[in-house]
Amino acid sequence: MGRLKPRNRQRGYLSNRMKLIIGASVFLFAFVTIFIAIKLSDVEDSSAFVEGDYRTSGSGTFTDESIWEQYDGDDWLPADQAPSEKGSVIIIDSGHVVIMEEEIIASKFIIENGASVELLCNSVKIEKYKGDGYLKCEGSIDFGDCIIEGNADFITTGAARLAFGTPEGLDKTHSRGNIQLKGKYDLSDQTHFVFNGLVAQETGNGFPSTVTRLTIDNPEGVTLSGPVTIIKKLDLLSGALITGPFGVTLGEKPESLIDFNVVNGSVVGELTLPVEIKNTMPIQFPVSDGTGRIVLSMLIEDKKFKDGFLTVKYYEGSIENDNRSPFAAKEYVVAIMENGYYTAVANQGLKDAAFKTAGVKYLENGTVIVNWNLLDYRTISDVDKQKDGNSASLLKNIFCGPTPFEGSFYIRFDSEIKCKVMIDLVSSGGKTVHHEVIEVIEGFNNWKFNEKSPLEPGNYFLRISNSNEIHSLLVTRAGAAG
C-alpha cells in the first residue's frame, strides 16, 4: 500500500504552521541574544570599576572634591576628597572641563570623548601600579608647559586633541617636550595635533609623517621637524608654519577633500595643495617670508587639464642672485618679498600649465593677494594676443615685488624680442619720481629699482612701456620718509 500524501489544504495548513513555529523561534532567539548582550554589557561596565575609583560629576579644578564621585563597589557616590591614591582609576567624564593647578601622581588617568583637561601645573606623574598604568585620551589635553612623566603608557583613541606648549614638540625618545612617559605609545591615526605655545616651537622628531588634522596657533611660529602630509584639515590660526628643508602637503591625491582653514596664519617654505579641475574657485596659498604675509591665488583658466597638485616653494635671499628663466624649467617665480621669493610648480595632470599674471589686489584689512592664472603653455601665445587680434603683446608675465617695498624692488618679465623699454614710477599725485630706459633681451628679464633718495610712503604707479604697448602696476612704498 503506497504512502499517504497530504492533500493541498492539509499541505497549506502544515506549511503555515511551520512558518509560525520558525518565526517564533527566530524572534525568541533574537530576544535572548539581545538580553544576554545587555546583561554582559552591564557586567562588563560594572566590572570595569573597582572600589576607590574616581570620575568627575562636573567641571572645575582638580582639587575641588565637589566635582568628584567615588565608586564604593556597588554604586557611584559623592567623593569625600579629590583623587590622591596612586592605584585608583581617574576618569574625566564627557562634557567636563578640569583644570589642574597642582602636581599629582596617578596610575590610570582617562579623558573621555568630549572631556577636556587643561594643565597649569609643572608636572603630572603617571606611574604603573602592580604592573599597569596609562594616560588614555579620547578627549582633549592642553599641556601648556606641563611635563607628563613616569613609566606608564600613553594612548590616544578616536579624534583625541593634543595641544603642545613646550618648544620641543613630540620627541621620539620621550626625553623632551610635554610627553615624557617611558611606557608604550599608541596614537590613534585620527589624533588632532595642536601647537599653541607662547614661544617658538618645533613639531619634534617623533611627530608622524601623516596626520589627520594639524592646527598652528602660535604667533612665534612652528617649525617642521620632517615632511608631513595632512589628510583631513589644516588650521592656520596665527603665526607661521615653517617647513625648513621639508614640505607640507594637503591631501594624498588630487581629489582629496581637504578643509584648509586660514585666519591669520601662513606657511614659510614649501606648501603643496590638491587641485580638482571641476573646482571653479582659485586655489589660495597663504605664504610669508617671516616678515610680510601675502596670499598667492591660482585660478585654473584652462579646464582641459586633469587633476593634479600645485606646489609653492620659498627661497631665502635676493632674487637677483637667481637669474635663470623660470619659464624654461616650468618653475615660475610668483612672488618677491622682502627676505626672499616664492616659485610655483604644477604637477601630475597640471604639468603642462604655464602661469600668467593676473594682477595684485589690496584688501582693506591689509592682505595682499597676488593673482595668477594657469593655462596651457602650448597655447599661451594665442591667449596673450591683444583684443583686436592684430598683434601680440611683446612683454609678458610682468610683475614686481616686494610690495610694500623699502628702498628697492624688482621687476620681472618675459620679452618676445630685444628692444628698449621705458620704466616710469609715478606718485598718486601724478608726479614722475623716476624715469629710466633699459635694454631688454629676448626672453627672461630681471630689473631692480633702487631709490636715489627715500620716497614718501604711499601708493605709486609703475608704468612699463615700449613702442607697442603700455603696462601699469601698483606698488606701495612702506615706512616713513627719511
Foldseek 3Di string as FASTA:
>chain_A
DDDDDDDPVVVVVVVVVVVVVVVVVVVVVVVVVVVVVVVVVVVVVLVVADFFAKEFCAEDEQFPQQRIWTDHSPDTHRDPTGDADAAYAYEYDACYEYEYAEEGEHFHYEYDANYEYEYNYAEYEHEHDPNAGEYEYAYEYAQANYAYEYAHEYYYDDAYEYEFADAAADEPCLPDGRYNHNYHYYYDLNYEYEYAYAAEHENYPPHDQEHAEYEYHYQNEYEYPAHHEHQEEYHFAHHEYEDVVYEYEYHPAQVGDYHYHYHHYAYEFKYKYKDALVDQAWDWHWHDPRPDIAIETEGAPDSVFHIWMKMKGWDFDDCVVPQDACVVVQWAFQAAEDGTTMTMAIDDRLNQWHKFWDAWDADPVGYIYTYIYIDGPVCVQVVQQDPVNPGGDQKGRWDKDDFVDEFKIKIKIAGQAWDKKWKWKADPVGRTPDIDIDTDHHTIDMDMDGDPAFDAWAKIWIWIDDPPDIDIHIGTHDDGGD
